[in-house]
N, C-alpha and C. Protein backbone atom coordinates (compact mmCIF):
# COMPACT_ATOMS: atom_id res chain seq x y z
N MET A 1 28.43 12.93 -2.49
CA MET A 1 28.61 14.25 -4.15
C MET A 1 27.59 14.95 -3.84
N SER A 2 27.36 16.11 -3.78
CA SER A 2 25.73 17.16 -3.52
C SER A 2 25.92 17.32 -5.05
N ARG A 3 24.82 18.19 -5.89
CA ARG A 3 24.86 18.73 -6.63
C ARG A 3 24.06 20.21 -6.62
N ILE A 4 24.26 21.07 -7.44
CA ILE A 4 23.81 21.90 -7.26
C ILE A 4 22.24 22.53 -8.67
N ILE A 5 20.77 22.59 -8.17
CA ILE A 5 20.20 22.63 -9.24
C ILE A 5 19.62 24.35 -9.37
N ARG A 6 19.85 25.23 -10.29
CA ARG A 6 19.80 27.02 -10.29
C ARG A 6 18.25 27.17 -10.96
N ILE A 7 17.54 27.58 -9.69
CA ILE A 7 16.25 27.75 -9.88
C ILE A 7 16.34 29.43 -9.73
N GLY A 8 16.11 30.55 -11.05
CA GLY A 8 16.25 31.81 -10.94
C GLY A 8 17.46 31.80 -10.42
N GLU A 9 17.80 32.76 -9.37
CA GLU A 9 19.08 33.52 -8.95
C GLU A 9 19.57 32.30 -8.02
N ARG A 10 18.47 31.43 -7.85
CA ARG A 10 19.03 30.76 -6.45
C ARG A 10 19.72 29.28 -6.46
N ASP A 11 21.15 29.28 -6.02
CA ASP A 11 21.38 27.64 -6.21
C ASP A 11 21.09 26.70 -5.02
N ILE A 12 19.95 26.07 -5.47
CA ILE A 12 19.45 24.80 -4.52
C ILE A 12 20.42 23.40 -4.48
N PRO A 13 20.95 23.05 -3.27
CA PRO A 13 21.58 21.88 -3.15
C PRO A 13 21.16 20.51 -3.15
N LEU A 14 20.94 19.43 -4.04
CA LEU A 14 20.90 18.27 -3.99
C LEU A 14 21.73 17.20 -3.50
N ASP A 15 20.92 16.36 -2.92
CA ASP A 15 21.94 15.37 -2.47
C ASP A 15 22.32 14.71 -3.17
N GLN A 16 23.68 13.28 -3.39
CA GLN A 16 23.71 12.29 -4.50
C GLN A 16 22.46 11.64 -5.20
N GLU A 17 21.59 11.65 -4.25
CA GLU A 17 20.30 11.21 -4.80
C GLU A 17 19.49 11.84 -5.79
N GLY A 18 19.40 13.23 -5.46
CA GLY A 18 18.81 14.12 -6.20
C GLY A 18 17.47 14.95 -4.89
N PHE A 19 17.70 14.73 -3.86
CA PHE A 19 16.41 15.36 -2.98
C PHE A 19 17.33 16.53 -2.40
N LEU A 20 16.48 17.12 -2.23
CA LEU A 20 16.45 18.56 -1.60
C LEU A 20 17.54 18.01 -0.13
N VAL A 21 18.50 18.95 -0.27
CA VAL A 21 19.67 19.07 1.26
C VAL A 21 19.06 19.94 2.40
N HIS A 22 17.87 21.34 2.18
CA HIS A 22 17.34 21.39 2.89
C HIS A 22 16.37 21.82 2.79
N LEU A 23 14.74 21.52 3.04
CA LEU A 23 13.71 20.75 2.71
C LEU A 23 13.09 22.57 2.26
N ASP A 24 13.42 23.84 3.53
CA ASP A 24 12.94 24.83 3.04
C ASP A 24 13.06 25.95 1.94
N ASP A 25 13.75 25.00 1.12
CA ASP A 25 14.57 25.35 -0.43
C ASP A 25 13.49 24.92 -1.30
N TRP A 26 12.22 24.56 -0.84
CA TRP A 26 11.26 23.97 -2.35
C TRP A 26 10.23 24.87 -2.64
N SER A 27 10.38 25.02 -4.05
CA SER A 27 9.13 25.88 -4.36
C SER A 27 8.36 25.12 -5.68
N GLU A 28 7.25 25.78 -6.47
CA GLU A 28 6.83 25.55 -7.79
C GLU A 28 7.74 25.55 -8.23
N PRO A 29 8.71 26.35 -8.72
CA PRO A 29 9.14 26.33 -9.88
C PRO A 29 10.33 25.19 -9.89
N LEU A 30 10.67 24.89 -8.31
CA LEU A 30 11.77 23.80 -8.31
C LEU A 30 11.38 22.44 -8.65
N ALA A 31 10.46 22.10 -8.06
CA ALA A 31 9.20 21.13 -8.27
C ALA A 31 9.08 20.36 -9.87
N ALA A 32 8.87 21.64 -10.99
CA ALA A 32 8.71 21.43 -11.81
C ALA A 32 10.65 21.23 -12.98
N GLU A 33 11.26 21.41 -12.25
CA GLU A 33 12.64 21.77 -12.73
C GLU A 33 13.10 19.97 -12.06
N LEU A 34 12.70 19.47 -11.13
CA LEU A 34 12.76 18.33 -10.34
C LEU A 34 12.06 17.08 -11.33
N ALA A 35 11.01 17.31 -11.51
CA ALA A 35 10.21 16.75 -12.27
C ALA A 35 10.87 16.60 -14.06
N ARG A 36 11.21 17.64 -14.17
CA ARG A 36 11.82 17.60 -15.58
C ARG A 36 12.69 16.78 -15.91
N LEU A 37 14.12 16.98 -15.17
CA LEU A 37 15.26 15.80 -14.60
C LEU A 37 14.96 14.29 -14.61
N GLU A 38 13.46 14.22 -13.78
CA GLU A 38 13.20 13.00 -13.58
C GLU A 38 12.27 12.57 -15.11
N GLY A 39 11.99 13.36 -15.96
CA GLY A 39 11.73 12.86 -17.05
C GLY A 39 10.37 13.09 -17.08
N ILE A 40 9.57 13.69 -16.10
CA ILE A 40 8.25 13.94 -15.98
C ILE A 40 7.73 15.25 -16.71
N ASP A 41 6.65 15.40 -17.31
CA ASP A 41 6.31 16.56 -18.15
C ASP A 41 5.32 17.26 -16.58
N TYR A 42 5.64 17.94 -16.03
CA TYR A 42 4.69 18.45 -14.61
C TYR A 42 3.31 19.08 -15.05
N SER A 43 2.09 18.28 -14.44
CA SER A 43 0.89 18.60 -14.93
C SER A 43 0.16 19.27 -13.57
N ALA A 44 -0.91 19.88 -14.00
CA ALA A 44 -1.92 19.72 -12.71
C ALA A 44 -1.96 18.49 -11.67
N GLU A 45 -2.21 17.24 -12.65
CA GLU A 45 -2.45 15.96 -11.43
C GLU A 45 -0.90 16.01 -10.39
N HIS A 46 0.19 15.83 -10.93
CA HIS A 46 1.21 16.41 -10.53
C HIS A 46 1.19 17.06 -9.61
N ARG A 47 0.39 18.20 -10.04
CA ARG A 47 1.27 18.81 -8.62
C ARG A 47 0.02 18.97 -7.40
N GLU A 48 -1.24 18.22 -7.78
CA GLU A 48 -1.97 18.22 -6.74
C GLU A 48 -1.79 16.95 -5.85
N VAL A 49 -0.87 16.03 -6.56
CA VAL A 49 -0.19 15.07 -5.74
C VAL A 49 0.86 15.42 -4.81
N ILE A 50 1.73 16.20 -5.43
CA ILE A 50 2.86 17.15 -4.68
C ILE A 50 1.96 17.47 -3.20
N LEU A 51 1.07 18.41 -3.57
CA LEU A 51 1.06 19.48 -2.45
C LEU A 51 0.03 18.64 -0.93
N ALA A 52 -0.78 17.36 -1.69
CA ALA A 52 -1.11 16.49 -0.92
C ALA A 52 0.00 16.16 -0.44
N LEU A 53 0.97 15.57 -0.53
CA LEU A 53 2.14 14.51 0.06
C LEU A 53 2.91 16.12 0.79
N ARG A 54 2.73 17.18 0.25
CA ARG A 54 3.42 17.91 1.35
C ARG A 54 2.64 18.08 2.59
N SER A 55 1.55 18.17 2.35
CA SER A 55 1.02 18.52 3.74
C SER A 55 0.64 16.82 4.64
N PHE A 56 0.93 15.91 3.81
CA PHE A 56 0.99 14.40 4.81
C PHE A 56 2.29 15.18 5.70
N TYR A 57 3.83 15.25 4.66
CA TYR A 57 4.43 15.82 5.50
C TYR A 57 4.63 16.56 6.78
N GLN A 58 3.63 17.96 6.61
CA GLN A 58 3.58 18.55 7.63
C GLN A 58 2.78 18.18 8.91
N GLU A 59 2.01 17.21 8.69
CA GLU A 59 1.41 16.68 9.31
C GLU A 59 1.94 15.33 10.46
N TYR A 60 2.68 14.93 9.86
CA TYR A 60 3.43 13.19 10.77
C TYR A 60 4.62 13.71 10.34
N GLN A 61 5.18 14.58 9.70
CA GLN A 61 6.88 14.49 9.68
C GLN A 61 7.58 13.47 9.46
N LEU A 62 6.88 13.08 8.49
CA LEU A 62 7.44 12.14 7.29
C LEU A 62 7.21 11.79 6.03
N SER A 63 7.86 11.44 5.24
CA SER A 63 7.70 10.94 3.78
C SER A 63 7.14 9.69 3.66
N PRO A 64 5.68 9.67 3.48
CA PRO A 64 5.19 7.99 3.78
C PRO A 64 5.54 6.99 2.07
N ALA A 65 5.81 5.70 2.94
CA ALA A 65 6.37 4.43 1.88
C ALA A 65 4.64 4.69 1.33
N MET A 66 5.00 3.58 0.22
CA MET A 66 3.73 3.38 -1.12
C MET A 66 2.20 3.61 -0.35
N ARG A 67 1.77 2.12 0.83
CA ARG A 67 0.63 1.90 0.80
C ARG A 67 -0.17 3.11 1.94
N PRO A 68 0.69 3.90 2.56
CA PRO A 68 0.23 4.96 3.38
C PRO A 68 0.39 6.21 2.41
N LEU A 69 0.89 5.98 1.17
CA LEU A 69 0.54 7.78 0.04
C LEU A 69 -0.85 7.19 -0.47
N VAL A 70 -1.38 5.90 -0.86
CA VAL A 70 -1.88 5.64 -1.87
C VAL A 70 -3.17 6.02 -0.65
N LYS A 71 -3.57 5.60 0.64
CA LYS A 71 -4.49 5.65 0.98
C LYS A 71 -4.95 7.29 1.37
N TYR A 72 -3.51 7.87 1.54
CA TYR A 72 -3.84 9.30 1.97
C TYR A 72 -4.32 10.10 0.50
N ILE A 73 -3.95 9.77 -0.60
CA ILE A 73 -3.84 10.50 -1.68
C ILE A 73 -5.75 9.99 -1.87
N GLY A 74 -6.05 8.64 -1.90
CA GLY A 74 -7.37 8.88 -1.92
C GLY A 74 -8.29 9.56 -0.79
N GLN A 75 -7.74 9.97 0.27
CA GLN A 75 -8.50 10.56 1.13
C GLN A 75 -8.74 11.84 0.61
N GLN A 76 -7.52 12.40 0.28
CA GLN A 76 -7.82 14.00 0.09
C GLN A 76 -7.89 14.28 -1.48
N LEU A 77 -7.88 13.80 -2.65
CA LEU A 77 -8.35 13.62 -3.76
C LEU A 77 -9.15 12.74 -4.38
N GLY A 78 -9.24 11.69 -3.69
CA GLY A 78 -10.73 11.42 -3.83
C GLY A 78 -10.20 9.67 -4.41
N LYS A 79 -11.19 8.61 -4.68
CA LYS A 79 -10.66 6.91 -4.51
C LYS A 79 -10.13 6.87 -5.49
N GLU A 80 -10.54 7.77 -7.15
CA GLU A 80 -10.43 7.44 -8.16
C GLU A 80 -8.81 8.00 -8.53
N LYS A 81 -8.13 8.68 -6.95
CA LYS A 81 -6.82 8.43 -7.35
C LYS A 81 -6.08 8.61 -6.33
N GLY A 82 -6.79 7.52 -5.45
CA GLY A 82 -5.92 6.61 -4.92
C GLY A 82 -5.48 5.28 -5.04
N SER A 83 -5.02 4.95 -5.63
CA SER A 83 -4.55 4.16 -6.54
C SER A 83 -3.40 3.89 -7.02
N SER A 84 -2.91 2.73 -6.67
CA SER A 84 -1.02 2.46 -6.93
C SER A 84 -0.92 2.51 -8.61
N LEU A 85 -1.77 2.33 -9.42
CA LEU A 85 -1.96 2.58 -11.21
C LEU A 85 -1.85 4.13 -11.63
N TYR A 86 -2.68 4.40 -10.67
CA TYR A 86 -2.81 6.05 -11.09
C TYR A 86 -1.22 7.05 -10.44
N LEU A 87 -1.10 6.67 -9.41
CA LEU A 87 0.10 7.03 -8.80
C LEU A 87 1.51 6.99 -9.84
N LEU A 88 1.74 5.18 -9.91
CA LEU A 88 2.79 4.92 -11.41
C LEU A 88 2.28 5.80 -12.15
N LYS A 89 0.96 6.04 -13.08
CA LYS A 89 0.97 6.48 -14.05
C LYS A 89 1.83 7.88 -14.32
N LEU A 90 1.87 8.48 -13.30
CA LEU A 90 2.39 9.75 -13.07
C LEU A 90 3.87 9.71 -12.60
N PHE A 91 3.83 9.06 -11.50
CA PHE A 91 5.67 9.46 -11.01
C PHE A 91 6.24 7.26 -11.42
N PRO A 92 6.34 6.92 -12.79
CA PRO A 92 7.06 6.10 -13.08
C PRO A 92 8.09 5.38 -12.03
N GLY A 93 7.47 3.86 -11.86
CA GLY A 93 9.23 3.10 -10.60
C GLY A 93 8.48 3.08 -9.63
N SER A 94 9.07 4.05 -8.81
CA SER A 94 8.22 4.15 -7.40
C SER A 94 7.90 5.56 -7.08
N PRO A 95 6.34 5.39 -7.52
CA PRO A 95 6.21 6.59 -6.88
C PRO A 95 6.05 7.47 -5.99
N ALA A 96 6.48 7.06 -4.88
CA ALA A 96 6.49 7.13 -3.54
C ALA A 96 8.01 7.82 -3.43
N LYS A 97 8.72 7.21 -3.75
CA LYS A 97 10.49 7.50 -3.77
C LYS A 97 10.43 8.94 -4.88
N LEU A 98 9.68 8.85 -5.78
CA LEU A 98 9.68 10.16 -7.13
C LEU A 98 9.02 11.61 -6.48
N ALA A 99 7.70 11.07 -6.35
CA ALA A 99 7.03 12.28 -5.51
C ALA A 99 7.37 12.77 -4.03
N SER A 100 8.03 11.93 -3.60
CA SER A 100 8.75 12.55 -2.72
C SER A 100 10.17 13.71 -2.82
N LYS A 101 10.66 13.27 -3.63
CA LYS A 101 11.69 13.84 -4.32
C LYS A 101 11.45 15.34 -4.89
N ILE A 102 10.19 14.94 -5.50
CA ILE A 102 9.47 16.50 -6.02
C ILE A 102 8.93 17.10 -5.37
N ALA A 103 8.39 16.69 -4.12
CA ALA A 103 7.77 17.58 -3.65
C ALA A 103 8.87 17.96 -2.40
N GLY A 104 10.20 17.80 -2.56
CA GLY A 104 11.26 18.54 -1.81
C GLY A 104 11.05 18.04 -0.66
N LEU A 105 11.42 16.89 -0.41
CA LEU A 105 10.86 15.70 0.78
C LEU A 105 11.86 15.05 1.33
N PRO A 106 12.27 14.16 2.22
CA PRO A 106 13.18 13.20 2.86
C PRO A 106 13.06 12.08 1.93
N LYS A 107 13.89 11.32 1.61
CA LYS A 107 13.20 10.06 0.89
C LYS A 107 12.48 9.35 1.87
N PRO A 108 11.31 8.47 1.50
CA PRO A 108 10.87 7.55 2.53
C PRO A 108 12.00 6.22 3.21
N ASP A 109 11.80 5.81 3.99
CA ASP A 109 12.59 4.86 4.95
C ASP A 109 12.53 3.66 4.16
N ASN A 110 11.86 3.65 3.50
CA ASN A 110 11.50 1.64 3.01
C ASN A 110 12.12 1.94 1.48
N CYS A 111 12.27 3.05 0.80
CA CYS A 111 12.44 2.84 -0.62
C CYS A 111 13.69 2.58 -0.63
N LEU A 112 14.03 2.07 -1.72
CA LEU A 112 15.79 1.26 -1.76
C LEU A 112 15.61 2.64 -2.76
């Protein structure tokens, strides 16, 4: 059963887990709303990770699992942000899965 989220005048379909059905529907306002629905107060720190994650997807055509995500964030945003603890603080529980959802990307293959 899919869900619909309304952003402005647009209805955006989500799958049963809350991931975008159509990756092209992603926008900054949608990211903020998806974060809010997950109990996250979307900040500049979240945004830079989300944009880096979207760059990763554009380059590799996949949503990274935790280890590649940590490594890529470290390369893109600096060593202090390329850590599991930093990402867990921003995206509690399963950072790779939650960040991918907010970034409008498919669920990483190895995330439950």
